[in-house]
């Protein structure tokens, strides 16, 4: 099984350090942590969903840039645009924002929005991310098991047919 890939979209290098430092470690011997890829948010426009398993984006750094211009509508549009872009990719995503008016956690399809609470957000993002990746791997294993089961069922049907027809074939051969 391939190692999962976590895409971190942020302009702030401290954001990616916080995420990777607070990512929970699996205790099993065969479990490796995910691969982390860090990209600037400016390069997120042409993302291919086949290149990552989970995206974590820092909407609060973009909010800080827009707040300097003091235009609240741009902050809301920026968060909505980011969430729509990630939802369109069809992969799970976690958006970290610093909007105090929003709930601590919002779920919109495959996108989970978390408010940036000091000391809490990196651990929450790590725990949520790990569980999202585990679920994705479990779904992949279940799909593979279903394919294997279907192939085994086809072979079992052929085997039953051969057992039932053996006497008929033997009778036909002895009469020739």
C-alpha atoms as a PDB file:
ATOM      1  CA  UNK A   1       0.000   0.000   0.000  1.00  0.00           C
ATOM      2  CA  UNK A   2       1.314   3.432  -0.939  1.00  0.00           C
ATOM      3  CA  UNK A   3       2.066   6.057   1.646  1.00  0.00           C
ATOM      4  CA  UNK A   4      -0.633   8.695   1.745  1.00  0.00           C
ATOM      5  CA  UNK A   5       0.234  12.212   0.647  1.00  0.00           C
ATOM      6  CA  UNK A   6      -0.823  15.327   2.548  1.00  0.00           C
ATOM      7  CA  UNK A   7      -0.728  18.569   0.604  1.00  0.00           C
ATOM      8  CA  UNK A   8      -0.192  21.664   2.774  1.00  0.00           C
ATOM      9  CA  UNK A   9      -1.134  24.949   1.116  1.00  0.00           C
ATOM     10  CA  UNK A  10       0.248  27.955   2.974  1.00  0.00           C
ATOM     11  CA  UNK A  11       2.327  31.074   2.572  1.00  0.00           C
ATOM     12  CA  UNK A  12       3.504  30.769   6.180  1.00  0.00           C
ATOM     13  CA  UNK A  13       6.340  28.255   6.792  1.00  0.00           C
ATOM     14  CA  UNK A  14       5.396  28.089  10.483  1.00  0.00           C
ATOM     15  CA  UNK A  15       1.998  26.667   9.483  1.00  0.00           C
ATOM     16  CA  UNK A  16       3.504  23.603   7.823  1.00  0.00           C
ATOM     17  CA  UNK A  17       5.947  23.139  10.719  1.00  0.00           C
ATOM     18  CA  UNK A  18       3.037  23.181  13.196  1.00  0.00           C
ATOM     19  CA  UNK A  19       1.081  20.613  11.155  1.00  0.00           C
ATOM     20  CA  UNK A  20       3.995  18.198  10.740  1.00  0.00           C
ATOM     21  CA  UNK A  21       5.199  18.585  14.334  1.00  0.00           C
ATOM     22  CA  UNK A  22       1.727  17.858  15.739  1.00  0.00           C
ATOM     23  CA  UNK A  23       0.876  15.004  13.375  1.00  0.00           C
ATOM     24  CA  UNK A  24       0.107  11.961  15.570  1.00  0.00           C
ATOM     25  CA  UNK A  25       2.468   9.026  15.233  1.00  0.00           C
ATOM     26  CA  UNK A  26       1.054   5.534  14.688  1.00  0.00           C
ATOM     27  CA  UNK A  27       2.275   2.950  17.149  1.00  0.00           C
ATOM     28  CA  UNK A  28       2.130  -0.008  14.763  1.00  0.00           C
ATOM     29  CA  UNK A  29       5.455  -1.171  13.352  1.00  0.00           C
ATOM     30  CA  UNK A  30       4.390  -1.162   9.709  1.00  0.00           C
ATOM     31  CA  UNK A  31       2.708   2.236   9.726  1.00  0.00           C
ATOM     32  CA  UNK A  32       4.691   5.091   8.299  1.00  0.00           C
ATOM     33  CA  UNK A  33       3.455   8.622   8.515  1.00  0.00           C
ATOM     34  CA  UNK A  34       2.225  10.353   5.404  1.00  0.00           C
ATOM     35  CA  UNK A  35       4.373  12.254   2.945  1.00  0.00           C
ATOM     36  CA  UNK A  36       3.959  16.004   3.296  1.00  0.00           C
ATOM     37  CA  UNK A  37       4.131  18.333   0.306  1.00  0.00           C
ATOM     38  CA  UNK A  38       4.137  22.067   0.997  1.00  0.00           C
ATOM     39  CA  UNK A  39       2.971  24.506  -1.684  1.00  0.00           C
ATOM     40  CA  UNK A  40       2.276  28.204  -1.678  1.00  0.00           C
ATOM     41  CA  UNK A  41      -1.445  28.944  -1.983  1.00  0.00           C
ATOM     42  CA  UNK A  42      -0.753  30.843  -5.201  1.00  0.00           C
ATOM     43  CA  UNK A  43      -0.001  27.520  -6.936  1.00  0.00           C
ATOM     44  CA  UNK A  44      -3.229  25.838  -5.834  1.00  0.00           C
ATOM     45  CA  UNK A  45      -5.200  26.806  -8.952  1.00  0.00           C
ATOM     46  CA  UNK A  46      -4.229  23.837 -11.107  1.00  0.00           C
ATOM     47  CA  UNK A  47      -4.234  21.061  -8.538  1.00  0.00           C
ATOM     48  CA  UNK A  48      -4.705  17.522  -9.774  1.00  0.00           C
ATOM     49  CA  UNK A  49      -6.617  15.450  -7.224  1.00  0.00           C
ATOM     50  CA  UNK A  50      -4.591  12.374  -8.182  1.00  0.00           C
ATOM     51  CA  UNK A  51      -1.465  13.900  -6.668  1.00  0.00           C
ATOM     52  CA  UNK A  52      -2.577  13.965  -3.025  1.00  0.00           C
ATOM     53  CA  UNK A  53      -4.878  12.194  -0.557  1.00  0.00           C
ATOM     54  CA  UNK A  54      -5.628  15.080   1.815  1.00  0.00           C
ATOM     55  CA  UNK A  55      -5.198  18.850   1.537  1.00  0.00           C
ATOM     56  CA  UNK A  56      -4.693  21.149   4.506  1.00  0.00           C
ATOM     57  CA  UNK A  57      -4.817  24.839   3.695  1.00  0.00           C
ATOM     58  CA  UNK A  58      -4.089  27.948   5.719  1.00  0.00           C
ATOM     59  CA  UNK A  59      -6.903  30.376   4.958  1.00  0.00           C
ATOM     60  CA  UNK A  60      -5.842  32.565   7.886  1.00  0.00           C
ATOM     61  CA  UNK A  61      -2.652  33.745   6.138  1.00  0.00           C
ATOM     62  CA  UNK A  62      -4.698  34.943   3.175  1.00  0.00           C
ATOM     63  CA  UNK A  63      -7.151  36.537   5.601  1.00  0.00           C
ATOM     64  CA  UNK A  64      -4.305  38.521   7.152  1.00  0.00           C
ATOM     65  CA  UNK A  65      -3.319  39.898   3.743  1.00  0.00           C
ATOM     66  CA  UNK A  66      -6.884  40.921   2.940  1.00  0.00           C
ATOM     67  CA  UNK A  67      -7.454  42.418   6.411  1.00  0.00           C
ATOM     68  CA  UNK A  68      -4.679  44.887   5.700  1.00  0.00           C
ATOM     69  CA  UNK A  69      -6.995  46.208   3.012  1.00  0.00           C
ATOM     70  CA  UNK A  70      -9.864  46.188   5.557  1.00  0.00           C
ATOM     71  CA  UNK A  71     -12.398  44.565   3.245  1.00  0.00           C
ATOM     72  CA  UNK A  72     -14.378  41.826   5.042  1.00  0.00           C
ATOM     73  CA  UNK A  73     -16.215  40.714   1.885  1.00  0.00           C
ATOM     74  CA  UNK A  74     -12.896  39.738   0.287  1.00  0.00           C
ATOM     75  CA  UNK A  75     -12.078  37.551   3.311  1.00  0.00           C
ATOM     76  CA  UNK A  76     -15.387  35.693   3.005  1.00  0.00           C
ATOM     77  CA  UNK A  77     -14.991  35.325  -0.767  1.00  0.00           C
ATOM     78  CA  UNK A  78     -11.441  34.076  -0.359  1.00  0.00           C
ATOM     79  CA  UNK A  79     -12.498  31.382   2.132  1.00  0.00           C
ATOM     80  CA  UNK A  80     -15.433  30.346  -0.043  1.00  0.00           C
ATOM     81  CA  UNK A  81     -13.254  30.245  -3.177  1.00  0.00           C
ATOM     82  CA  UNK A  82     -10.677  28.101  -1.405  1.00  0.00           C
ATOM     83  CA  UNK A  83     -13.333  25.715  -0.117  1.00  0.00           C
ATOM     84  CA  UNK A  84     -14.990  25.471  -3.531  1.00  0.00           C
ATOM     85  CA  UNK A  85     -11.662  24.771  -5.227  1.00  0.00           C
ATOM     86  CA  UNK A  86     -10.866  22.003  -2.753  1.00  0.00           C
ATOM     87  CA  UNK A  87     -14.387  20.541  -2.900  1.00  0.00           C
ATOM     88  CA  UNK A  88     -14.208  20.475  -6.707  1.00  0.00           C
ATOM     89  CA  UNK A  89     -11.042  18.371  -6.493  1.00  0.00           C
ATOM     90  CA  UNK A  90     -13.118  15.644  -4.812  1.00  0.00           C
ATOM     91  CA  UNK A  91     -10.508  14.889  -2.165  1.00  0.00           C
ATOM     92  CA  UNK A  92     -10.909  15.521   1.557  1.00  0.00           C
ATOM     93  CA  UNK A  93      -9.560  18.836   2.800  1.00  0.00           C
ATOM     94  CA  UNK A  94      -9.105  20.749   6.033  1.00  0.00           C
ATOM     95  CA  UNK A  95      -9.263  24.550   5.864  1.00  0.00           C
ATOM     96  CA  UNK A  96      -7.791  26.397   8.848  1.00  0.00           C
ATOM     97  CA  UNK A  97      -9.308  29.880   9.195  1.00  0.00           C
ATOM     98  CA  UNK A  98      -9.219  32.598  11.826  1.00  0.00           C
ATOM     99  CA  UNK A  99     -12.739  33.983  11.434  1.00  0.00           C
ATOM    100  CA  UNK A 100     -14.104  34.435  14.995  1.00  0.00           C
ATOM    101  CA  UNK A 101     -17.668  34.726  13.655  1.00  0.00           C
ATOM    102  CA  UNK A 102     -17.571  31.198  12.197  1.00  0.00           C
ATOM    103  CA  UNK A 103     -18.118  28.012  14.196  1.00  0.00           C
ATOM    104  CA  UNK A 104     -15.101  26.118  15.489  1.00  0.00           C
ATOM    105  CA  UNK A 105     -15.784  23.339  12.999  1.00  0.00           C
ATOM    106  CA  UNK A 106     -17.779  23.472   9.748  1.00  0.00           C
ATOM    107  CA  UNK A 107     -18.280  20.561   7.380  1.00  0.00           C
ATOM    108  CA  UNK A 108     -19.171  21.193   3.746  1.00  0.00           C
ATOM    109  CA  UNK A 109     -18.966  17.937   1.800  1.00  0.00           C
ATOM    110  CA  UNK A 110     -15.362  16.733   1.773  1.00  0.00           C
ATOM    111  CA  UNK A 111     -14.096  20.039   3.223  1.00  0.00           C
ATOM    112  CA  UNK A 112     -13.789  20.575   6.974  1.00  0.00           C
ATOM    113  CA  UNK A 113     -13.265  24.108   8.216  1.00  0.00           C
ATOM    114  CA  UNK A 114     -11.461  24.573  11.545  1.00  0.00           C
ATOM    115  CA  UNK A 115     -11.043  27.860  13.376  1.00  0.00           C
ATOM    116  CA  UNK A 116      -7.452  28.642  14.325  1.00  0.00           C
ATOM    117  CA  UNK A 117      -7.519  28.474  18.113  1.00  0.00           C
ATOM    118  CA  UNK A 118      -4.102  29.001  19.720  1.00  0.00           C
ATOM    119  CA  UNK A 119      -2.493  25.740  20.808  1.00  0.00           C
ATOM    120  CA  UNK A 120      -5.450  23.626  19.700  1.00  0.00           C
ATOM    121  CA  UNK A 121      -5.664  23.818  15.921  1.00  0.00           C
ATOM    122  CA  UNK A 122      -2.485  21.891  14.977  1.00  0.00           C
ATOM    123  CA  UNK A 123      -3.428  18.903  17.147  1.00  0.00           C
ATOM    124  CA  UNK A 124      -7.018  18.918  15.857  1.00  0.00           C
ATOM    125  CA  UNK A 125      -5.858  19.168  12.243  1.00  0.00           C
ATOM    126  CA  UNK A 126      -3.394  16.317  12.801  1.00  0.00           C
ATOM    127  CA  UNK A 127      -5.958  14.046  14.447  1.00  0.00           C
ATOM    128  CA  UNK A 128      -8.623  14.769  11.836  1.00  0.00           C
ATOM    129  CA  UNK A 129      -6.125  14.330   9.024  1.00  0.00           C
ATOM    130  CA  UNK A 130      -4.881  10.996  10.348  1.00  0.00           C
ATOM    131  CA  UNK A 131      -8.420   9.662  10.703  1.00  0.00           C
ATOM    132  CA  UNK A 132      -9.362  10.877   7.218  1.00  0.00           C
ATOM    133  CA  UNK A 133      -6.354   9.058   5.766  1.00  0.00           C
ATOM    134  CA  UNK A 134      -7.157   5.910   7.758  1.00  0.00           C
ATOM    135  CA  UNK A 135     -10.717   5.947   6.446  1.00  0.00           C
ATOM    136  CA  UNK A 136      -9.466   6.402   2.892  1.00  0.00           C
ATOM    137  CA  UNK A 137      -7.079   3.457   3.276  1.00  0.00           C
ATOM    138  CA  UNK A 138      -9.837   1.307   4.801  1.00  0.00           C
ATOM    139  CA  UNK A 139     -12.147   2.129   1.882  1.00  0.00           C
ATOM    140  CA  UNK A 140      -9.368   1.206  -0.548  1.00  0.00           C
ATOM    141  CA  UNK A 141      -8.770  -2.126   1.208  1.00  0.00           C
ATOM    142  CA  UNK A 142     -12.522  -2.842   1.224  1.00  0.00           C
ATOM    143  CA  UNK A 143     -12.729  -2.144  -2.512  1.00  0.00           C
ATOM    144  CA  UNK A 144      -9.797  -4.488  -3.195  1.00  0.00           C
ATOM    145  CA  UNK A 145     -11.397  -7.166  -0.995  1.00  0.00           C
ATOM    146  CA  UNK A 146     -14.661  -6.884  -2.933  1.00  0.00           C
ATOM    147  CA  UNK A 147     -12.788  -7.350  -6.221  1.00  0.00           C
ATOM    148  CA  UNK A 148     -10.945 -10.385  -4.850  1.00  0.00           C
ATOM    149  CA  UNK A 149     -14.197 -11.835  -3.516  1.00  0.00           C
ATOM    150  CA  UNK A 150     -15.898 -11.434  -6.910  1.00  0.00           C
ATOM    151  CA  UNK A 151     -13.004 -13.215  -8.645  1.00  0.00           C
ATOM    152  CA  UNK A 152     -13.050 -16.040  -6.073  1.00  0.00           C
ATOM    153  CA  UNK A 153     -16.820 -16.384  -6.470  1.00  0.00           C
ATOM    154  CA  UNK A 154     -16.449 -16.752 -10.250  1.00  0.00           C
ATOM    155  CA  UNK A 155     -13.789 -19.436  -9.787  1.00  0.00           C
ATOM    156  CA  UNK A 156     -15.947 -21.239  -7.210  1.00  0.00           C
ATOM    157  CA  UNK A 157     -18.875 -21.256  -9.642  1.00  0.00           C
ATOM    158  CA  UNK A 158     -16.656 -22.789 -12.323  1.00  0.00           C
ATOM    159  CA  UNK A 159     -15.394 -25.399  -9.839  1.00  0.00           C
ATOM    160  CA  UNK A 160     -18.943 -26.382  -8.825  1.00  0.00           C
ATOM    161  CA  UNK A 161     -19.910 -26.698 -12.486  1.00  0.00           C
ATOM    162  CA  UNK A 162     -16.931 -28.963 -13.152  1.00  0.00           C
ATOM    163  CA  UNK A 163     -17.773 -31.187 -10.169  1.00  0.00           C
ATOM    164  CA  UNK A 164     -21.413 -31.504 -11.242  1.00  0.00           C
ATOM    165  CA  UNK A 165     -20.559 -32.206 -14.881  1.00  0.00           C
ATOM    166  CA  UNK A 166     -17.731 -34.675 -14.179  1.00  0.00           C
ATOM    167  CA  UNK A 167     -19.977 -37.727 -14.196  1.00  0.00           C
ATOM    168  CA  UNK A 168     -21.764 -36.629 -17.356  1.00  0.00           C
ATOM    169  CA  UNK A 169     -18.459 -36.100 -19.148  1.00  0.00           C
ATOM    170  CA  UNK A 170     -17.141 -39.481 -17.923  1.00  0.00           C
ATOM    171  CA  UNK A 171     -20.313 -41.210 -19.136  1.00  0.00           C
ATOM    172  CA  UNK A 172     -20.049 -39.530 -22.535  1.00  0.00           C
ATOM    173  CA  UNK A 173     -16.395 -40.559 -22.870  1.00  0.00           C
ATOM    174  CA  UNK A 174     -17.029 -44.192 -21.940  1.00  0.00           C
ATOM    175  CA  UNK A 175     -19.780 -44.547 -24.535  1.00  0.00           C
ATOM    176  CA  UNK A 176     -17.513 -43.391 -27.357  1.00  0.00           C
END
